[in-house]
Amino acid sequence: MSSRVTLYGKPGCHLCDDARAIVQTVCAELGVEWTEVDITQDDRLFTEYGEQIPVTFVDGKQHDFWRVDPVRLRKALAG
Protein backbone atom coordinates (compact mmCIF):
# COMPACT_ATOMS: atom_id res chain seq x y z
CA MET A 1 0.00 0.00 0.00
CA SER A 2 1.40 3.41 -0.93
CA SER A 3 1.10 6.47 1.27
CA ARG A 4 -1.87 8.72 0.60
CA VAL A 5 -0.33 11.61 2.55
CA THR A 6 3.17 12.98 2.11
CA LEU A 7 4.58 15.63 4.44
CA TYR A 8 7.54 17.65 3.16
CA GLY A 9 9.57 19.36 5.86
CA LYS A 10 12.98 19.66 7.45
CA PRO A 11 14.58 19.06 10.84
CA GLY A 12 14.33 21.90 13.36
CA CYS A 13 11.16 23.35 11.83
CA HIS A 14 8.54 23.97 14.54
CA LEU A 15 5.72 24.24 11.99
CA CYS A 16 6.82 20.87 10.59
CA ASP A 17 6.65 19.40 14.10
CA ASP A 18 3.10 20.74 14.49
CA ALA A 19 2.08 19.45 11.05
CA ARG A 20 3.61 16.01 11.73
CA ALA A 21 1.57 15.63 14.91
CA ILE A 22 -1.67 16.49 13.08
CA VAL A 23 -0.93 14.27 10.08
CA GLN A 24 0.07 11.40 12.36
CA THR A 25 -3.12 11.71 14.43
CA VAL A 26 -5.54 12.09 11.52
CA CYS A 27 -3.95 9.30 9.49
CA ALA A 28 -3.98 6.96 12.50
CA GLU A 29 -7.66 7.69 13.11
CA LEU A 30 -8.52 6.91 9.49
CA GLY A 31 -6.08 4.04 8.96
CA VAL A 32 -4.29 5.95 6.20
CA GLU A 33 -0.61 5.50 5.36
CA TRP A 34 1.61 8.59 5.36
CA THR A 35 5.25 9.38 4.78
CA GLU A 36 7.59 12.24 5.53
CA VAL A 37 10.26 13.64 3.22
CA ASP A 38 13.22 15.72 4.47
CA ILE A 39 13.66 18.42 1.82
CA THR A 40 17.24 19.11 2.95
CA GLN A 41 18.23 15.80 1.35
CA ASP A 42 17.14 16.88 -2.16
CA ASP A 43 18.25 20.16 -3.76
CA ARG A 44 15.23 20.31 -6.08
CA LEU A 45 12.74 19.83 -3.23
CA PHE A 46 14.59 22.35 -1.06
CA THR A 47 14.46 24.94 -3.85
CA GLU A 48 10.80 24.22 -4.61
CA TYR A 49 9.40 24.00 -1.06
CA GLY A 50 11.99 25.68 1.17
CA GLU A 51 9.84 28.77 1.79
CA GLN A 52 6.53 26.89 2.15
CA ILE A 53 7.27 24.05 4.56
CA PRO A 54 5.62 22.14 5.87
CA VAL A 55 3.88 21.13 2.66
CA THR A 56 1.35 18.31 2.59
CA PHE A 57 0.24 16.30 -0.40
CA VAL A 58 -2.84 14.08 -0.51
CA ASP A 59 -3.02 11.46 -3.24
CA GLY A 60 -0.16 13.15 -5.10
CA LYS A 61 -1.66 16.65 -5.16
CA GLN A 62 -0.59 19.58 -3.00
CA HIS A 63 -3.09 19.99 -0.19
CA ASP A 64 -1.67 22.60 2.22
CA PHE A 65 1.44 24.49 3.23
CA TRP A 66 2.66 26.17 6.44
CA ARG A 67 -0.17 24.73 8.53
CA VAL A 68 -2.27 21.58 8.43
CA ASP A 69 -5.96 21.93 9.25
CA PRO A 70 -7.08 18.58 10.70
CA VAL A 71 -10.71 19.06 9.59
CA ARG A 72 -9.65 19.86 6.03
CA LEU A 73 -7.24 16.89 5.98
CA ARG A 74 -9.96 14.50 7.22
CA LYS A 75 -12.34 15.80 4.55
CA ALA A 76 -9.72 15.33 1.79
CA LEU A 77 -9.01 11.78 2.92
CA ALA A 78 -12.70 10.88 3.17
CA GLY A 79 -13.47 12.11 -0.34
PDB file of N, CA and C in Angstrom:
ATOM      1  N   MET A   1       0.855  -1.188   0.000  1.00  0.00           N
ATOM      2  CA  MET A   1       0.000   0.000   0.000  1.00  0.00           C
ATOM      3  C   MET A   1       0.891   1.238   0.000  1.00  0.00           C
ATOM      4  N   SER A   2       0.613   2.181  -0.880  1.00  0.00           N
ATOM      5  CA  SER A   2       1.397   3.411  -0.928  1.00  0.00           C
ATOM      6  C   SER A   2       0.765   4.456  -0.008  1.00  0.00           C
ATOM      7  N   SER A   3       1.567   5.413   0.363  1.00  0.00           N
ATOM      8  CA  SER A   3       1.101   6.466   1.265  1.00  0.00           C
ATOM      9  C   SER A   3       0.171   7.419   0.541  1.00  0.00           C
ATOM     10  N   ARG A   4      -0.940   7.732   1.168  1.00  0.00           N
ATOM     11  CA  ARG A   4      -1.866   8.716   0.595  1.00  0.00           C
ATOM     12  C   ARG A   4      -1.446  10.129   0.948  1.00  0.00           C
ATOM     13  N   VAL A   5      -0.742  10.281   2.082  1.00  0.00           N
ATOM     14  CA  VAL A   5      -0.330  11.605   2.547  1.00  0.00           C
ATOM     15  C   VAL A   5       1.193  11.656   2.586  1.00  0.00           C
ATOM     16  N   THR A   6       1.736  12.733   2.040  1.00  0.00           N
ATOM     17  CA  THR A   6       3.171  12.982   2.115  1.00  0.00           C
ATOM     18  C   THR A   6       3.372  14.350   2.756  1.00  0.00           C
ATOM     19  N   LEU A   7       4.242  14.390   3.746  1.00  0.00           N
ATOM     20  CA  LEU A   7       4.580  15.628   4.444  1.00  0.00           C
ATOM     21  C   LEU A   7       6.013  15.989   4.096  1.00  0.00           C
ATOM     22  N   TYR A   8       6.210  17.142   3.473  1.00  0.00           N
ATOM     23  CA  TYR A   8       7.539  17.651   3.156  1.00  0.00           C
ATOM     24  C   TYR A   8       7.928  18.653   4.239  1.00  0.00           C
ATOM     25  N   GLY A   9       9.103  18.461   4.813  1.00  0.00           N
ATOM     26  CA  GLY A   9       9.565  19.356   5.861  1.00  0.00           C
ATOM     27  C   GLY A   9      11.066  19.244   6.018  1.00  0.00           C
ATOM     28  N   LYS A  10      11.551  19.759   7.150  1.00  0.00           N
ATOM     29  CA  LYS A  10      12.983  19.660   7.446  1.00  0.00           C
ATOM     30  C   LYS A  10      13.176  19.641   8.952  1.00  0.00           C
ATOM     31  N   PRO A  11      14.289  19.097   9.407  1.00  0.00           N
ATOM     32  CA  PRO A  11      14.584  19.060  10.839  1.00  0.00           C
ATOM     33  C   PRO A  11      14.674  20.472  11.420  1.00  0.00           C
ATOM     34  N   GLY A  12      14.233  20.616  12.667  1.00  0.00           N
ATOM     35  CA  GLY A  12      14.328  21.896  13.358  1.00  0.00           C
ATOM     36  C   GLY A  12      13.251  22.891  12.993  1.00  0.00           C
ATOM     37  N   CYS A  13      12.250  22.470  12.264  1.00  0.00           N
ATOM     38  CA  CYS A  13      11.155  23.348  11.833  1.00  0.00           C
ATOM     39  C   CYS A  13       9.966  23.132  12.765  1.00  0.00           C
ATOM     40  N   HIS A  14       9.626  24.148  13.574  1.00  0.00           N
ATOM     41  CA  HIS A  14       8.542  23.971  14.542  1.00  0.00           C
ATOM     42  C   HIS A  14       7.187  23.793  13.863  1.00  0.00           C
ATOM     43  N   LEU A  15       6.974  24.446  12.720  1.00  0.00           N
ATOM     44  CA  LEU A  15       5.717  24.244  11.986  1.00  0.00           C
ATOM     45  C   LEU A  15       5.639  22.815  11.454  1.00  0.00           C
ATOM     46  N   CYS A  16       6.783  22.266  11.060  1.00  0.00           N
ATOM     47  CA  CYS A  16       6.820  20.874  10.588  1.00  0.00           C
ATOM     48  C   CYS A  16       6.472  19.924  11.735  1.00  0.00           C
ATOM     49  N   ASP A  17       6.971  20.221  12.924  1.00  0.00           N
ATOM     50  CA  ASP A  17       6.647  19.398  14.098  1.00  0.00           C
ATOM     51  C   ASP A  17       5.147  19.426  14.369  1.00  0.00           C
ATOM     52  N   ASP A  18       4.543  20.601  14.287  1.00  0.00           N
ATOM     53  CA  ASP A  18       3.098  20.737  14.492  1.00  0.00           C
ATOM     54  C   ASP A  18       2.326  19.962  13.419  1.00  0.00           C
ATOM     55  N   ALA A  19       2.752  20.122  12.170  1.00  0.00           N
ATOM     56  CA  ALA A  19       2.082  19.447  11.051  1.00  0.00           C
ATOM     57  C   ALA A  19       2.203  17.933  11.192  1.00  0.00           C
ATOM     58  N   ARG A  20       3.379  17.452  11.563  1.00  0.00           N
ATOM     59  CA  ARG A  20       3.611  16.013  11.733  1.00  0.00           C
ATOM     60  C   ARG A  20       2.655  15.427  12.757  1.00  0.00           C
ATOM     61  N   ALA A  21       2.468  16.125  13.867  1.00  0.00           N
ATOM     62  CA  ALA A  21       1.571  15.634  14.913  1.00  0.00           C
ATOM     63  C   ALA A  21       0.137  15.523  14.395  1.00  0.00           C
ATOM     64  N   ILE A  22      -0.302  16.513  13.629  1.00  0.00           N
ATOM     65  CA  ILE A  22      -1.667  16.495  13.083  1.00  0.00           C
ATOM     66  C   ILE A  22      -1.815  15.393  12.043  1.00  0.00           C
ATOM     67  N   VAL A  23      -0.869  15.301  11.120  1.00  0.00           N
ATOM     68  CA  VAL A  23      -0.926  14.273  10.079  1.00  0.00           C
ATOM     69  C   VAL A  23      -0.911  12.886  10.721  1.00  0.00           C
ATOM     70  N   GLN A  24      -0.037  12.688  11.681  1.00  0.00           N
ATOM     71  CA  GLN A  24       0.073  11.398  12.357  1.00  0.00           C
ATOM     72  C   GLN A  24      -1.242  11.023  13.034  1.00  0.00           C
ATOM     73  N   THR A  25      -1.860  11.963  13.729  1.00  0.00           N
ATOM     74  CA  THR A  25      -3.117  11.711  14.434  1.00  0.00           C
ATOM     75  C   THR A  25      -4.255  11.409  13.470  1.00  0.00           C
ATOM     76  N   VAL A  26      -4.436  12.266  12.469  1.00  0.00           N
ATOM     77  CA  VAL A  26      -5.543  12.093  11.519  1.00  0.00           C
ATOM     78  C   VAL A  26      -5.370  10.788  10.736  1.00  0.00           C
ATOM     79  N   CYS A  27      -4.174  10.513  10.266  1.00  0.00           N
ATOM     80  CA  CYS A  27      -3.950   9.298   9.491  1.00  0.00           C
ATOM     81  C   CYS A  27      -4.158   8.043  10.350  1.00  0.00           C
ATOM     82  N   ALA A  28      -3.753   8.094  11.605  1.00  0.00           N
ATOM     83  CA  ALA A  28      -3.975   6.963  12.502  1.00  0.00           C
ATOM     84  C   ALA A  28      -5.468   6.728  12.727  1.00  0.00           C
ATOM     85  N   GLU A  29      -6.204   7.809  12.915  1.00  0.00           N
ATOM     86  CA  GLU A  29      -7.657   7.695  13.115  1.00  0.00           C
ATOM     87  C   GLU A  29      -8.338   7.042  11.924  1.00  0.00           C
ATOM     88  N   LEU A  30      -7.877   7.377  10.717  1.00  0.00           N
ATOM     89  CA  LEU A  30      -8.519   6.914   9.486  1.00  0.00           C
ATOM     90  C   LEU A  30      -7.867   5.673   8.888  1.00  0.00           C
ATOM     91  N   GLY A  31      -6.777   5.209   9.493  1.00  0.00           N
ATOM     92  CA  GLY A  31      -6.083   4.038   8.961  1.00  0.00           C
ATOM     93  C   GLY A  31      -5.414   4.308   7.622  1.00  0.00           C
ATOM     94  N   VAL A  32      -4.895   5.522   7.462  1.00  0.00           N
ATOM     95  CA  VAL A  32      -4.286   5.955   6.205  1.00  0.00           C
ATOM     96  C   VAL A  32      -2.764   5.987   6.370  1.00  0.00           C
ATOM     97  N   GLU A  33      -2.061   5.465   5.362  1.00  0.00           N
ATOM     98  CA  GLU A  33      -0.606   5.499   5.363  1.00  0.00           C
ATOM     99  C   GLU A  33      -0.105   6.903   5.028  1.00  0.00           C
ATOM    100  N   TRP A  34       0.999   7.303   5.672  1.00  0.00           N
ATOM    101  CA  TRP A  34       1.608   8.588   5.360  1.00  0.00           C
ATOM    102  C   TRP A  34       3.115   8.446   5.424  1.00  0.00           C
ATOM    103  N   THR A  35       3.794   9.376   4.787  1.00  0.00           N
ATOM    104  CA  THR A  35       5.245   9.376   4.782  1.00  0.00           C
ATOM    105  C   THR A  35       5.746  10.806   4.923  1.00  0.00           C
ATOM    106  N   GLU A  36       6.978  10.920   5.379  1.00  0.00           N
ATOM    107  CA  GLU A  36       7.591  12.244   5.533  1.00  0.00           C
ATOM    108  C   GLU A  36       8.860  12.301   4.710  1.00  0.00           C
ATOM    109  N   VAL A  37       9.080  13.440   4.052  1.00  0.00           N
ATOM    110  CA  VAL A  37      10.263  13.641   3.220  1.00  0.00           C
ATOM    111  C   VAL A  37      11.028  14.850   3.757  1.00  0.00           C
ATOM    112  N   ASP A  38      12.325  14.646   4.011  1.00  0.00           N
ATOM    113  CA  ASP A  38      13.215  15.716   4.467  1.00  0.00           C
ATOM    114  C   ASP A  38      13.744  16.447   3.235  1.00  0.00           C
ATOM    115  N   ILE A  39      13.286  17.677   3.030  1.00  0.00           N
ATOM    116  CA  ILE A  39      13.665  18.417   1.822  1.00  0.00           C
ATOM    117  C   ILE A  39      15.137  18.817   1.801  1.00  0.00           C
ATOM    118  N   THR A  40      15.814  18.753   2.942  1.00  0.00           N
ATOM    119  CA  THR A  40      17.239  19.114   2.952  1.00  0.00           C
ATOM    120  C   THR A  40      18.084  18.045   2.278  1.00  0.00           C
ATOM    121  N   GLN A  41      17.496  16.887   1.987  1.00  0.00           N
ATOM    122  CA  GLN A  41      18.228  15.803   1.348  1.00  0.00           C
ATOM    123  C   GLN A  41      18.097  15.823  -0.179  1.00  0.00           C
ATOM    124  N   ASP A  42      17.373  16.810  -0.710  1.00  0.00           N
ATOM    125  CA  ASP A  42      17.136  16.877  -2.156  1.00  0.00           C
ATOM    126  C   ASP A  42      17.131  18.349  -2.579  1.00  0.00           C
ATOM    127  N   ASP A  43      18.121  18.747  -3.362  1.00  0.00           N
ATOM    128  CA  ASP A  43      18.249  20.157  -3.760  1.00  0.00           C
ATOM    129  C   ASP A  43      17.007  20.680  -4.470  1.00  0.00           C
ATOM    130  N   ARG A  44      16.416  19.872  -5.350  1.00  0.00           N
ATOM    131  CA  ARG A  44      15.229  20.306  -6.083  1.00  0.00           C
ATOM    132  C   ARG A  44      14.063  20.559  -5.130  1.00  0.00           C
ATOM    133  N   LEU A  45      13.835  19.647  -4.193  1.00  0.00           N
ATOM    134  CA  LEU A  45      12.743  19.826  -3.228  1.00  0.00           C
ATOM    135  C   LEU A  45      13.003  21.029  -2.331  1.00  0.00           C
ATOM    136  N   PHE A  46      14.257  21.210  -1.924  1.00  0.00           N
ATOM    137  CA  PHE A  46      14.595  22.346  -1.063  1.00  0.00           C
ATOM    138  C   PHE A  46      14.326  23.659  -1.784  1.00  0.00           C
ATOM    139  N   THR A  47      14.700  23.730  -3.059  1.00  0.00           N
ATOM    140  CA  THR A  47      14.457  24.936  -3.853  1.00  0.00           C
ATOM    141  C   THR A  47      12.961  25.172  -4.035  1.00  0.00           C
ATOM    142  N   GLU A  48      12.233  24.105  -4.320  1.00  0.00           N
ATOM    143  CA  GLU A  48      10.802  24.224  -4.607  1.00  0.00           C
ATOM    144  C   GLU A  48       9.962  24.534  -3.373  1.00  0.00           C
ATOM    145  N   TYR A  49      10.270  23.896  -2.235  1.00  0.00           N
ATOM    146  CA  TYR A  49       9.402  23.999  -1.062  1.00  0.00           C
ATOM    147  C   TYR A  49      10.032  24.692   0.143  1.00  0.00           C
ATOM    148  N   GLY A  50      11.272  25.126   0.033  1.00  0.00           N
ATOM    149  CA  GLY A  50      11.992  25.683   1.169  1.00  0.00           C
ATOM    150  C   GLY A  50      11.292  26.817   1.901  1.00  0.00           C
ATOM    151  N   GLU A  51      10.533  27.635   1.179  1.00  0.00           N
ATOM    152  CA  GLU A  51       9.838  28.771   1.791  1.00  0.00           C
ATOM    153  C   GLU A  51       8.399  28.452   2.193  1.00  0.00           C
ATOM    154  N   GLN A  52       7.927  27.245   1.889  1.00  0.00           N
ATOM    155  CA  GLN A  52       6.529  26.894   2.146  1.00  0.00           C
ATOM    156  C   GLN A  52       6.347  25.827   3.215  1.00  0.00           C
ATOM    157  N   ILE A  53       7.425  25.211   3.669  1.00  0.00           N
ATOM    158  CA  ILE A  53       7.267  24.054   4.557  1.00  0.00           C
ATOM    159  C   ILE A  53       6.574  24.411   5.858  1.00  0.00           C
ATOM    160  N   PRO A  54       5.874  23.461   6.407  1.00  0.00           N
ATOM    161  CA  PRO A  54       5.618  22.136   5.874  1.00  0.00           C
ATOM    162  C   PRO A  54       4.603  22.175   4.730  1.00  0.00           C
ATOM    163  N   VAL A  55       4.800  21.271   3.779  1.00  0.00           N
ATOM    164  CA  VAL A  55       3.877  21.129   2.657  1.00  0.00           C
ATOM    165  C   VAL A  55       3.293  19.728   2.722  1.00  0.00           C
ATOM    166  N   THR A  56       1.982  19.622   2.602  1.00  0.00           N
ATOM    167  CA  THR A  56       1.346  18.309   2.589  1.00  0.00           C
ATOM    168  C   THR A  56       0.736  18.036   1.218  1.00  0.00           C
ATOM    169  N   PHE A  57       0.860  16.799   0.816  1.00  0.00           N
ATOM    170  CA  PHE A  57       0.239  16.299  -0.403  1.00  0.00           C
ATOM    171  C   PHE A  57      -0.719  15.184  -0.028  1.00  0.00           C
ATOM    172  N   VAL A  58      -1.871  15.160  -0.673  1.00  0.00           N
ATOM    173  CA  VAL A  58      -2.836  14.075  -0.507  1.00  0.00           C
ATOM    174  C   VAL A  58      -3.066  13.473  -1.878  1.00  0.00           C
ATOM    175  N   ASP A  59      -2.849  12.183  -1.978  1.00  0.00           N
ATOM    176  CA  ASP A  59      -3.015  11.463  -3.243  1.00  0.00           C
ATOM    177  C   ASP A  59      -2.257  12.130  -4.384  1.00  0.00           C
ATOM    178  N   GLY A  60      -1.034  12.600  -4.076  1.00  0.00           N
ATOM    179  CA  GLY A  60      -0.160  13.148  -5.099  1.00  0.00           C
ATOM    180  C   GLY A  60      -0.391  14.600  -5.474  1.00  0.00           C
ATOM    181  N   LYS A  61      -1.370  15.244  -4.852  1.00  0.00           N
ATOM    182  CA  LYS A  61      -1.663  16.647  -5.157  1.00  0.00           C
ATOM    183  C   LYS A  61      -1.427  17.506  -3.922  1.00  0.00           C
ATOM    184  N   GLN A  62      -0.850  18.705  -4.142  1.00  0.00           N
ATOM    185  CA  GLN A  62      -0.588  19.579  -3.003  1.00  0.00           C
ATOM    186  C   GLN A  62      -1.897  19.940  -2.318  1.00  0.00           C
ATOM    187  N   HIS A  63      -1.883  19.782  -0.994  1.00  0.00           N
ATOM    188  CA  HIS A  63      -3.085  19.994  -0.191  1.00  0.00           C
ATOM    189  C   HIS A  63      -2.975  21.281   0.639  1.00  0.00           C
ATOM    190  N   ASP A  64      -1.868  21.451   1.329  1.00  0.00           N
ATOM    191  CA  ASP A  64      -1.675  22.595   2.224  1.00  0.00           C
ATOM    192  C   ASP A  64      -0.197  22.940   2.317  1.00  0.00           C
ATOM    193  N   PHE A  65       0.075  24.120   2.852  1.00  0.00           N
ATOM    194  CA  PHE A  65       1.438  24.489   3.229  1.00  0.00           C
ATOM    195  C   PHE A  65       1.377  25.384   4.450  1.00  0.00           C
ATOM    196  N   TRP A  66       2.475  25.455   5.179  1.00  0.00           N
ATOM    197  CA  TRP A  66       2.664  26.175   6.442  1.00  0.00           C
ATOM    198  C   TRP A  66       1.892  25.565   7.601  1.00  0.00           C
ATOM    199  N   ARG A  67       0.632  25.312   7.444  1.00  0.00           N
ATOM    200  CA  ARG A  67      -0.169  24.732   8.533  1.00  0.00           C
ATOM    201  C   ARG A  67      -1.037  23.617   7.965  1.00  0.00           C
ATOM    202  N   VAL A  68      -1.369  22.659   8.823  1.00  0.00           N
ATOM    203  CA  VAL A  68      -2.273  21.582   8.431  1.00  0.00           C
ATOM    204  C   VAL A  68      -3.535  21.720   9.265  1.00  0.00           C
ATOM    205  N   ASP A  69      -4.659  21.860   8.597  1.00  0.00           N
ATOM    206  CA  ASP A  69      -5.958  21.935   9.250  1.00  0.00           C
ATOM    207  C   ASP A  69      -6.494  20.506   9.347  1.00  0.00           C
ATOM    208  N   PRO A  70      -6.647  19.976  10.564  1.00  0.00           N
ATOM    209  CA  PRO A  70      -7.080  18.579  10.700  1.00  0.00           C
ATOM    210  C   PRO A  70      -8.455  18.303  10.088  1.00  0.00           C
ATOM    211  N   VAL A  71      -9.371  19.251  10.163  1.00  0.00           N
ATOM    212  CA  VAL A  71     -10.707  19.061   9.590  1.00  0.00           C
ATOM    213  C   VAL A  71     -10.603  18.968   8.067  1.00  0.00           C
ATOM    214  N   ARG A  72      -9.843  19.856   7.496  1.00  0.00           N
ATOM    215  CA  ARG A  72      -9.654  19.859   6.034  1.00  0.00           C
ATOM    216  C   ARG A  72      -8.944  18.581   5.567  1.00  0.00           C
ATOM    217  N   LEU A  73      -7.970  18.120   6.333  1.00  0.00           N
ATOM    218  CA  LEU A  73      -7.242  16.894   5.979  1.00  0.00           C
ATOM    219  C   LEU A  73      -8.185  15.691   6.050  1.00  0.00           C
ATOM    220  N   ARG A  74      -8.987  15.601   7.107  1.00  0.00           N
ATOM    221  CA  ARG A  74      -9.959  14.502   7.216  1.00  0.00           C
ATOM    222  C   ARG A  74     -10.920  14.498   6.028  1.00  0.00           C
ATOM    223  N   LYS A  75     -11.391  15.677   5.660  1.00  0.00           N
ATOM    224  CA  LYS A  75     -12.341  15.800   4.546  1.00  0.00           C
ATOM    225  C   LYS A  75     -11.676  15.337   3.237  1.00  0.00           C
ATOM    226  N   ALA A  76     -10.429  15.726   3.007  1.00  0.00           N
ATOM    227  CA  ALA A  76      -9.719  15.330   1.787  1.00  0.00           C
ATOM    228  C   ALA A  76      -9.523  13.817   1.737  1.00  0.00           C
ATOM    229  N   LEU A  77      -9.246  13.227   2.881  1.00  0.00           N
ATOM    230  CA  LEU A  77      -9.012  11.781   2.921  1.00  0.00           C
ATOM    231  C   LEU A  77     -10.306  10.974   2.840  1.00  0.00           C
ATOM    232  N   ALA A  78     -11.406  11.567   3.223  1.00  0.00           N
ATOM    233  CA  ALA A  78     -12.697  10.877   3.174  1.00  0.00           C
ATOM    234  C   ALA A  78     -13.292  10.904   1.772  1.00  0.00           C
ATOM    235  N   GLY A  79     -12.891  11.909   0.985  1.00  0.00           N
ATOM    236  CA  GLY A  79     -13.468  12.107  -0.341  1.00  0.00           C
ATOM    237  C   GLY A  79     -12.945  11.192  -1.396  1.00  0.00           C
TER     238      GLY A  79
END
